[in-house]
Amino acid sequence: MTDGPIRGLLLDVDDTLVDTRGAFRHALIAVAQEYLREGIDPEVLVQFWRADGSGWYRAHTRGEMTHREQRMRRANELHAEFGGDPMDDEAYDIWDAGFERYFREGWRAFDDAVPFLDALDEAGIPYGAVTNAQSEYQRLKLEACGLERVEVFVGVDLFGIGKPDHRVFDEGVRRLGLAAGEVAYVGDEPDIDAVAAADAGLTGVWLDRPGARRGLESERSVSYPHVVSVAGLDEVLASLR
């Protein structure tokens, strides 16, 4: 766990505070009805999208391609897998406008998010978000989900890269005005969230929600110095004591 008391928290947004998986499910069901073959299990679509087998989103967070480029590649891979036509730039722009609209319709906070923030406020523990999406986009998402009290400290647009680069964690720690050893980072991905935070000198908290794992990589248990695992946000504070 920790060598000393945790005095501040940095938080992931997607699939940590916000049920992004559910929002993707909502969007994918809608686009499947228009673009893909019939009879596809929505959970299969969600798993394929989230697994991102070619790693396009992580390439984006490494600064190797734009957000539009990674999503267009993922959309065309989705079509290739499930019977959709290949899309050029014009066709993709139409597809993405619909996908984004449905995706935003599906934004919801997890049931444990508000009670968790209330507990942090009551305990006087400062917090902020460090995320691999654009800062303003995440601010809109948090506001739409009733979580506007969470300030976005770092987005992928700040440095042009995202987690697991230690600079994003360093900046989040700086914004809290604390030392890295006094801060924990809570996120749903074991490698780029919990382990990367630990590598940056923080305590990493892997939020391993039941039924929400991305794939086989996440099935492995995390055994790493300064990393703890919880099944819900309601376990975070107790795990750090």
Protein backbone atom coordinates (compact mmCIF):
# COMPACT_ATOMS: atom_id res chain seq x y z
CA MET A 1 0.00 0.00 0.00
CA THR A 2 1.63 3.25 1.09
CA ASP A 3 4.64 4.30 3.18
CA GLY A 4 2.71 7.26 4.62
CA PRO A 5 -0.74 8.81 4.69
CA ILE A 6 -2.50 9.60 1.43
CA ARG A 7 -3.43 13.28 1.41
CA GLY A 8 -4.79 13.68 -2.13
CA LEU A 9 -6.31 11.68 -4.99
CA LEU A 10 -6.02 11.84 -8.76
CA LEU A 11 -8.88 10.25 -10.65
CA ASP A 12 -9.40 8.72 -14.05
CA VAL A 13 -12.70 9.67 -15.72
CA ASP A 14 -13.77 6.99 -18.21
CA ASP A 15 -14.95 3.73 -16.64
CA THR A 16 -13.89 5.09 -13.26
CA LEU A 17 -16.32 7.96 -12.57
CA VAL A 18 -18.33 7.70 -15.79
CA ASP A 19 -19.77 4.49 -17.23
CA THR A 20 -18.13 4.95 -20.60
CA ARG A 21 -18.55 1.28 -21.44
CA GLY A 22 -22.31 1.74 -21.14
CA ALA A 23 -22.18 4.83 -23.32
CA PHE A 24 -20.23 2.96 -25.98
CA ARG A 25 -22.79 0.17 -25.83
CA HIS A 26 -25.59 2.69 -26.44
CA ALA A 27 -23.72 4.20 -29.41
CA LEU A 28 -22.66 0.89 -30.93
CA ILE A 29 -26.17 -0.56 -30.83
CA ALA A 30 -27.40 2.50 -32.72
CA VAL A 31 -24.73 2.45 -35.43
CA ALA A 32 -25.02 -1.33 -35.78
CA GLN A 33 -28.67 -0.99 -36.72
CA GLU A 34 -27.72 1.31 -39.58
CA TYR A 35 -24.37 0.00 -40.76
CA LEU A 36 -23.67 -3.58 -39.67
CA ARG A 37 -25.14 -7.00 -40.30
CA GLU A 38 -28.14 -8.07 -38.23
CA GLY A 39 -28.14 -10.23 -35.14
CA ILE A 40 -24.88 -9.14 -33.52
CA ASP A 41 -24.75 -9.45 -29.73
CA PRO A 42 -24.25 -5.90 -28.38
CA GLU A 43 -21.78 -7.20 -25.80
CA VAL A 44 -19.62 -8.61 -28.59
CA LEU A 45 -19.60 -5.19 -30.24
CA VAL A 46 -18.66 -3.49 -26.99
CA GLN A 47 -15.87 -5.94 -26.25
CA PHE A 48 -14.44 -5.56 -29.75
CA TRP A 49 -14.54 -1.76 -29.57
CA ARG A 50 -13.03 -1.52 -26.11
CA ALA A 51 -10.35 -4.13 -26.79
CA ASP A 52 -9.06 -1.97 -29.70
CA GLY A 53 -6.92 -4.89 -30.85
CA SER A 54 -4.69 -2.76 -33.08
CA GLY A 55 -4.00 -0.29 -30.29
CA TRP A 56 -5.10 2.82 -32.18
CA TYR A 57 -6.31 4.74 -29.14
CA ARG A 58 -3.13 4.14 -27.23
CA ALA A 59 -1.20 5.27 -30.31
CA HIS A 60 -3.19 8.48 -30.11
CA THR A 61 -2.29 8.94 -26.45
CA ARG A 62 1.38 8.49 -27.39
CA GLY A 63 1.02 11.41 -29.78
CA GLU A 64 1.29 9.25 -32.90
CA MET A 65 -2.06 10.15 -34.48
CA THR A 66 -5.04 12.46 -34.03
CA HIS A 67 -8.20 11.50 -32.21
CA ARG A 68 -10.09 11.53 -35.51
CA GLU A 69 -7.57 9.22 -37.16
CA GLN A 70 -7.67 6.65 -34.37
CA ARG A 71 -11.46 6.61 -34.25
CA MET A 72 -11.78 6.31 -38.04
CA ARG A 73 -9.41 3.36 -38.03
CA ARG A 74 -11.34 1.70 -35.23
CA ALA A 75 -14.65 2.35 -36.98
CA ASN A 76 -13.40 0.74 -40.18
CA GLU A 77 -12.07 -2.24 -38.25
CA LEU A 78 -15.49 -2.56 -36.61
CA HIS A 79 -17.12 -2.56 -40.05
CA ALA A 80 -14.63 -5.09 -41.42
CA GLU A 81 -15.35 -7.44 -38.50
CA PHE A 82 -19.14 -7.13 -38.47
CA GLY A 83 -20.21 -6.70 -42.08
CA GLY A 84 -20.12 -2.96 -42.62
CA ASP A 85 -18.82 -1.19 -45.72
CA PRO A 86 -15.39 0.46 -45.66
CA MET A 87 -15.63 4.21 -45.10
CA ASP A 88 -13.73 7.01 -46.76
CA ASP A 89 -13.37 10.42 -45.08
CA GLU A 90 -16.79 11.67 -46.14
CA ALA A 91 -18.63 8.50 -45.12
CA TYR A 92 -16.77 8.40 -41.82
CA ASP A 93 -17.69 11.99 -40.96
CA ILE A 94 -21.37 11.09 -41.31
CA TRP A 95 -20.87 7.90 -39.27
CA ASP A 96 -18.99 9.72 -36.54
CA ALA A 97 -21.58 12.47 -36.18
CA GLY A 98 -24.18 9.84 -35.36
CA PHE A 99 -21.85 7.79 -33.18
CA GLU A 100 -20.86 10.82 -31.13
CA ARG A 101 -24.47 11.91 -30.67
CA TYR A 102 -25.48 8.48 -29.38
CA PHE A 103 -22.32 8.23 -27.27
CA ARG A 104 -23.13 11.48 -25.47
CA GLU A 105 -26.71 10.34 -24.92
CA GLY A 106 -25.30 7.39 -22.99
CA TRP A 107 -23.08 9.33 -20.59
CA ARG A 108 -23.92 8.38 -17.00
CA ALA A 109 -22.03 8.52 -13.71
CA PHE A 110 -21.55 5.26 -11.85
CA ASP A 111 -23.82 4.95 -8.82
CA ASP A 112 -20.84 5.06 -6.48
CA ALA A 113 -19.26 8.19 -8.00
CA VAL A 114 -21.23 10.90 -6.17
CA PRO A 115 -21.07 9.17 -2.75
CA PHE A 116 -17.33 8.73 -3.28
CA LEU A 117 -16.82 12.41 -4.04
CA ASP A 118 -19.01 13.31 -1.07
CA ALA A 119 -16.78 11.18 1.16
CA LEU A 120 -13.66 12.88 -0.17
CA ASP A 121 -15.19 16.30 0.41
CA GLU A 122 -16.24 15.36 3.93
CA ALA A 123 -12.75 14.09 4.70
CA GLY A 124 -11.15 17.21 3.25
CA ILE A 125 -9.15 15.22 0.70
CA PRO A 126 -8.39 17.24 -2.45
CA TYR A 127 -8.80 15.57 -5.84
CA GLY A 128 -8.74 16.19 -9.58
CA ALA A 129 -8.84 14.27 -12.85
CA VAL A 130 -5.92 13.06 -14.96
CA THR A 131 -7.30 11.64 -18.19
CA ASN A 132 -6.22 10.44 -21.62
CA ALA A 133 -8.95 12.39 -23.41
CA GLN A 134 -9.16 16.07 -24.33
CA SER A 135 -9.58 18.27 -21.27
CA GLU A 136 -12.58 20.27 -22.46
CA TYR A 137 -14.33 17.13 -23.71
CA GLN A 138 -13.92 15.56 -20.28
CA ARG A 139 -15.21 18.71 -18.58
CA LEU A 140 -18.35 18.48 -20.72
CA LYS A 141 -18.71 14.79 -19.86
CA LEU A 142 -18.31 15.36 -16.12
CA GLU A 143 -20.81 18.21 -16.17
CA ALA A 144 -23.33 16.13 -18.13
CA CYS A 145 -23.00 13.41 -15.47
CA GLY A 146 -23.41 15.74 -12.49
CA LEU A 147 -19.73 15.48 -11.58
CA GLU A 148 -18.68 19.01 -12.43
CA ARG A 149 -16.97 19.39 -9.03
CA VAL A 150 -14.13 17.25 -10.40
CA GLU A 151 -11.59 19.61 -11.94
CA VAL A 152 -9.72 18.27 -14.95
CA PHE A 153 -6.04 18.80 -14.12
CA VAL A 154 -4.51 17.02 -17.10
CA GLY A 155 -5.85 15.90 -20.48
CA VAL A 156 -4.03 14.42 -23.45
CA ASP A 157 -3.94 17.89 -25.00
CA LEU A 158 -1.69 19.35 -22.29
CA PHE A 159 1.51 17.57 -23.29
CA GLY A 160 0.31 15.90 -26.49
CA ILE A 161 0.63 12.53 -24.77
CA GLY A 162 -1.20 10.69 -22.03
CA LYS A 163 -0.76 7.95 -19.47
CA PRO A 164 1.43 6.01 -18.84
CA ASP A 165 3.91 8.88 -19.36
CA HIS A 166 5.01 9.99 -15.90
CA ARG A 167 4.68 13.67 -16.80
CA VAL A 168 0.90 13.56 -16.62
CA PHE A 169 1.03 12.14 -13.10
CA ASP A 170 3.72 14.63 -12.10
CA GLU A 171 1.53 17.50 -13.25
CA GLY A 172 -1.50 16.15 -11.39
CA VAL A 173 0.58 15.89 -8.21
CA ARG A 174 1.84 19.44 -8.74
CA ARG A 175 -1.71 20.71 -9.11
CA LEU A 176 -2.60 19.13 -5.76
CA GLY A 177 0.39 20.81 -4.15
CA LEU A 178 1.56 17.54 -2.63
CA ALA A 179 4.45 15.10 -2.97
CA ALA A 180 3.96 12.03 -5.17
CA GLY A 181 4.14 9.72 -2.14
CA GLU A 182 1.16 11.53 -0.62
CA VAL A 183 -1.08 10.95 -3.65
CA ALA A 184 -3.01 7.95 -4.97
CA TYR A 185 -4.27 7.54 -8.53
CA VAL A 186 -7.54 5.66 -9.13
CA GLY A 187 -8.22 4.17 -12.56
CA ASP A 188 -9.75 1.18 -14.28
CA GLU A 189 -6.76 0.00 -16.33
CA PRO A 190 -4.11 -1.95 -14.43
CA ASP A 191 -1.17 -1.03 -16.63
CA ILE A 192 -1.54 2.60 -17.72
CA ASP A 193 -3.39 3.64 -14.56
CA ALA A 194 -2.34 1.74 -11.44
CA VAL A 195 1.10 0.46 -12.41
CA ALA A 196 2.06 3.62 -14.31
CA ALA A 197 1.06 5.75 -11.33
CA ALA A 198 3.17 3.56 -9.05
CA ASP A 199 6.10 3.94 -11.43
CA ALA A 200 5.67 7.72 -11.10
CA GLY A 201 5.93 7.47 -7.30
CA LEU A 202 2.21 7.52 -6.44
CA THR A 203 0.08 4.77 -4.97
CA GLY A 204 -1.82 3.10 -7.81
CA VAL A 205 -5.40 1.96 -7.22
CA TRP A 206 -6.77 -0.42 -9.83
CA LEU A 207 -10.56 -0.14 -9.97
CA ASP A 208 -11.44 -3.63 -11.15
CA ARG A 209 -15.20 -3.36 -11.45
CA PRO A 210 -16.90 -6.78 -11.84
CA GLY A 211 -17.86 -7.43 -15.44
CA ALA A 212 -16.04 -4.39 -16.77
CA ARG A 213 -12.69 -5.81 -17.77
CA ARG A 214 -11.37 -4.98 -21.22
CA GLY A 215 -9.79 -8.30 -22.06
CA LEU A 216 -7.30 -10.98 -21.13
CA GLU A 217 -4.61 -8.51 -20.14
CA SER A 218 -6.81 -7.16 -17.37
CA GLU A 219 -7.68 -10.65 -16.15
CA ARG A 220 -4.24 -11.01 -14.59
CA SER A 221 -4.07 -10.02 -10.97
CA VAL A 222 -1.91 -7.00 -10.23
CA SER A 223 0.97 -7.72 -7.88
CA TYR A 224 3.15 -4.64 -7.77
CA PRO A 225 4.61 -2.40 -5.05
CA HIS A 226 2.33 0.51 -4.21
CA VAL A 227 -0.64 -0.91 -6.14
CA VAL A 228 -3.92 -1.92 -4.53
CA SER A 229 -7.04 -3.35 -6.15
CA VAL A 230 -10.65 -2.47 -5.37
CA ALA A 231 -13.98 -3.54 -6.86
CA GLY A 232 -15.74 -0.19 -6.39
CA LEU A 233 -15.11 3.43 -5.46
CA ASP A 234 -16.64 2.78 -2.06
CA GLU A 235 -13.57 0.65 -1.22
CA VAL A 236 -10.93 3.20 -2.15
CA LEU A 237 -10.51 5.10 1.10
CA ALA A 238 -10.48 1.98 3.24
CA SER A 239 -7.88 0.38 0.97
CA LEU A 240 -5.52 3.32 1.51
CA ARG A 241 -5.70 3.44 5.30
